[in-house]
Amino acid sequence: MILSDKTIMKMLEEKTLVVSPVEPEQIQPASVDVRLGNTFSIVEDSSTGIINLEEKINYKTIQTDTYILLPGQFVLATTMEYFELPDNLTAFVEGRSSLGRMGLFIQNAGWVDPGFKGEITLELFNANRCAIELKAGRRVGQLVFAEMDDHALNPYNGKYQGQMGATGSRVFMDRETE
């Protein structure tokens, strides 16, 4: 079941759901608007020109209130908001339609697990032929919360727990079975 604004406000008041900072106008009928933070990370070039999944990827991270996203460019960004989800609530990130119509694709792998704590890293891609000026504090998407049928047996406690800022891939930490 997707949470209503009434339920979201109640959970925020009870502190069973944490979104900080949050302004009343961010709470929509079935979501909470997320704003762009001021941290941006881009993948640094490797000497081979190849990124593999077994080695740590190096990123150049900057803090700025304005970032120019060039055509065809990919950048990691972060939300202004810090989240703490209880172990019976999940969420997914949706980009704003108004920005998608400009060619700005906003994603985060789409899913926030129950028990997650931290800022949400967003993957931004400019599919337009023109550069797009991004400004910290602007609404870029929304988090839609869904109540699970029961509490998670194993709430999230993975490699991104507690992340702050635009956090790069940690896929190299995966333990794949062979």
Protein backbone atom coordinates (compact mmCIF):
# COMPACT_ATOMS: atom_id res chain seq x y z
CA MET A 1 0.00 0.00 0.00
CA ILE A 2 1.37 3.43 -1.00
CA LEU A 3 1.37 5.91 1.87
CA SER A 4 -0.80 9.03 1.75
CA ASP A 5 0.31 12.49 2.75
CA LYS A 6 -1.66 12.09 5.99
CA THR A 7 0.21 8.91 6.92
CA ILE A 8 3.57 10.38 5.89
CA MET A 9 2.99 13.46 8.08
CA LYS A 10 1.94 11.28 11.02
CA MET A 11 5.04 9.07 10.70
CA LEU A 12 7.30 12.13 10.45
CA GLU A 13 5.70 13.59 13.56
CA GLU A 14 6.08 10.27 15.44
CA LYS A 15 9.64 9.96 14.10
CA THR A 16 8.94 6.42 12.86
CA LEU A 17 10.04 7.82 9.46
CA VAL A 18 12.88 10.34 9.26
CA VAL A 19 13.26 12.85 6.43
CA SER A 20 15.53 15.73 7.36
CA PRO A 21 15.41 18.54 6.54
CA VAL A 22 11.85 18.58 5.21
CA GLU A 23 9.52 21.48 4.53
CA PRO A 24 5.72 21.05 4.65
CA GLU A 25 5.40 21.91 0.94
CA GLN A 26 7.59 18.90 0.04
CA ILE A 27 4.87 16.52 1.21
CA GLN A 28 2.71 15.65 -1.79
CA PRO A 29 -0.53 13.58 -1.86
CA ALA A 30 1.41 10.29 -2.18
CA SER A 31 5.11 11.18 -1.95
CA VAL A 32 7.79 13.47 -0.53
CA ASP A 33 9.68 15.73 -2.91
CA VAL A 34 13.47 15.36 -2.79
CA ARG A 35 15.84 18.23 -3.44
CA LEU A 36 19.24 18.22 -5.06
CA GLY A 37 22.17 18.39 -2.66
CA ASN A 38 25.47 20.13 -3.38
CA THR A 39 27.73 17.10 -3.87
CA PHE A 40 28.49 15.74 -7.35
CA SER A 41 30.80 12.88 -8.38
CA ILE A 42 32.04 11.80 -11.79
CA VAL A 43 34.00 8.67 -12.67
CA GLU A 44 37.69 9.41 -13.17
CA ASP A 45 39.24 8.09 -16.35
CA SER A 46 41.19 4.87 -15.92
CA SER A 47 44.51 4.19 -17.62
CA THR A 48 42.95 1.32 -19.61
CA GLY A 49 39.71 3.14 -20.42
CA ILE A 50 37.82 0.19 -18.94
CA ILE A 51 35.85 -0.06 -15.71
CA ASN A 52 35.52 -3.54 -14.26
CA LEU A 53 33.35 -4.81 -11.45
CA GLU A 54 36.16 -6.25 -9.30
CA GLU A 55 38.15 -3.09 -8.59
CA LYS A 56 37.28 0.10 -6.78
CA ILE A 57 36.24 2.89 -9.13
CA ASN A 58 37.80 6.30 -8.54
CA TYR A 59 35.58 9.37 -8.56
CA LYS A 60 36.22 13.09 -8.60
CA THR A 61 33.84 14.66 -6.08
CA ILE A 62 33.07 18.35 -5.81
CA GLN A 63 30.78 20.45 -3.67
CA THR A 64 29.05 23.30 -5.46
CA ASP A 65 25.65 24.96 -5.49
CA THR A 66 25.58 25.01 -9.32
CA TYR A 67 26.63 22.20 -11.63
CA ILE A 68 26.50 22.33 -15.44
CA LEU A 69 25.56 18.89 -16.80
CA LEU A 70 26.82 18.69 -20.37
CA PRO A 71 24.95 16.86 -23.16
CA GLY A 72 25.48 13.10 -22.83
CA GLN A 73 27.17 13.51 -19.43
CA PHE A 74 26.55 11.28 -16.43
CA VAL A 75 27.04 12.45 -12.84
CA LEU A 76 26.23 11.17 -9.38
CA ALA A 77 24.46 13.62 -7.11
CA THR A 78 22.83 13.43 -3.72
CA THR A 79 19.62 14.48 -2.06
CA MET A 80 19.62 17.32 0.46
CA GLU A 81 17.54 15.08 2.66
CA TYR A 82 18.71 12.35 5.00
CA PHE A 83 16.33 9.38 5.39
CA GLU A 84 15.71 6.65 7.94
CA LEU A 85 13.16 4.05 6.87
CA PRO A 86 11.60 1.68 9.41
CA ASP A 87 11.88 -2.03 8.70
CA ASN A 88 8.30 -2.30 7.40
CA LEU A 89 8.54 0.50 4.82
CA THR A 90 10.17 0.59 1.41
CA ALA A 91 10.41 3.45 -1.06
CA PHE A 92 11.22 4.16 -4.65
CA VAL A 93 12.61 7.26 -6.30
CA GLU A 94 10.87 8.88 -9.23
CA GLY A 95 12.24 11.78 -11.25
CA ARG A 96 10.10 14.84 -11.89
CA SER A 97 8.24 14.72 -15.18
CA SER A 98 9.00 18.41 -15.79
CA LEU A 99 12.74 17.64 -15.72
CA GLY A 100 12.40 14.46 -17.77
CA ARG A 101 10.75 16.57 -20.47
CA MET A 102 14.00 18.58 -20.58
CA GLY A 103 16.03 15.43 -21.14
CA LEU A 104 17.26 15.10 -17.55
CA PHE A 105 17.02 11.49 -16.44
CA ILE A 106 17.03 10.99 -12.67
CA GLN A 107 17.32 7.55 -11.16
CA ASN A 108 18.87 5.77 -8.23
CA ALA A 109 18.42 2.13 -9.18
CA GLY A 110 14.85 2.89 -8.21
CA TRP A 111 14.53 1.22 -4.84
CA VAL A 112 15.19 2.08 -1.18
CA ASP A 113 15.19 -0.93 1.14
CA PRO A 114 13.47 -1.08 4.52
CA GLY A 115 15.92 -0.12 7.25
CA PHE A 116 18.00 2.16 4.98
CA LYS A 117 19.61 5.20 6.61
CA GLY A 118 21.41 7.93 4.71
CA GLU A 119 21.21 10.37 1.86
CA ILE A 120 20.10 8.97 -1.47
CA THR A 121 22.59 8.99 -4.32
CA LEU A 122 20.99 9.97 -7.60
CA GLU A 123 22.27 9.05 -11.04
CA LEU A 124 21.74 11.96 -13.42
CA PHE A 125 22.06 11.80 -17.20
CA ASN A 126 21.59 14.62 -19.70
CA ALA A 127 19.94 13.23 -22.84
CA ASN A 128 19.47 16.72 -24.27
CA ARG A 129 21.66 18.45 -26.90
CA CYS A 130 21.98 21.44 -24.57
CA ALA A 131 23.72 21.66 -21.21
CA ILE A 132 21.45 21.70 -18.15
CA GLU A 133 22.21 23.92 -15.15
CA LEU A 134 21.55 22.09 -11.88
CA LYS A 135 21.13 24.03 -8.65
CA ALA A 136 21.31 22.67 -5.12
CA GLY A 137 18.01 22.96 -3.31
CA ARG A 138 15.84 22.44 -6.42
CA ARG A 139 13.22 19.71 -6.36
CA VAL A 140 14.44 16.93 -8.64
CA GLY A 141 12.27 13.96 -7.73
CA GLN A 142 10.03 12.33 -5.21
CA LEU A 143 10.15 9.40 -2.85
CA VAL A 144 7.07 7.19 -2.87
CA PHE A 145 6.69 5.07 0.26
CA ALA A 146 5.00 1.68 0.38
CA GLU A 147 4.11 -0.27 3.50
CA MET A 148 5.16 -3.93 3.45
CA ASP A 149 2.87 -6.76 4.54
CA ASP A 150 5.20 -7.44 7.48
CA HIS A 151 8.46 -6.23 9.02
CA ALA A 152 11.55 -7.26 7.05
CA LEU A 153 13.29 -10.29 8.48
CA ASN A 154 16.64 -8.75 7.49
CA PRO A 155 16.36 -4.93 7.20
CA TYR A 156 18.98 -3.24 5.03
CA ASN A 157 22.46 -3.09 6.49
CA GLY A 158 24.52 -3.18 3.31
CA LYS A 159 27.45 -1.38 1.81
CA TYR A 160 25.58 1.93 1.34
CA GLN A 161 24.11 2.13 4.85
CA GLY A 162 24.75 5.61 6.28
CA GLN A 163 25.99 7.06 3.00
CA MET A 164 26.35 10.83 2.83
CA GLY A 165 26.99 12.79 -0.34
CA ALA A 166 27.19 11.44 -3.89
CA THR A 167 28.42 7.92 -3.17
CA GLY A 168 30.12 5.98 -5.94
CA SER A 169 29.58 2.35 -6.84
CA ARG A 170 30.74 -0.22 -4.34
CA VAL A 171 30.04 -3.16 -6.64
CA PHE A 172 33.63 -4.33 -6.09
CA MET A 173 32.55 -5.30 -2.55
CA ASP A 174 29.97 -7.80 -3.82
CA ARG A 175 30.55 -11.42 -2.95
CA GLU A 176 29.51 -13.26 -6.09
CA THR A 177 29.05 -17.02 -6.04
CA GLU A 178 30.84 -19.04 -8.65
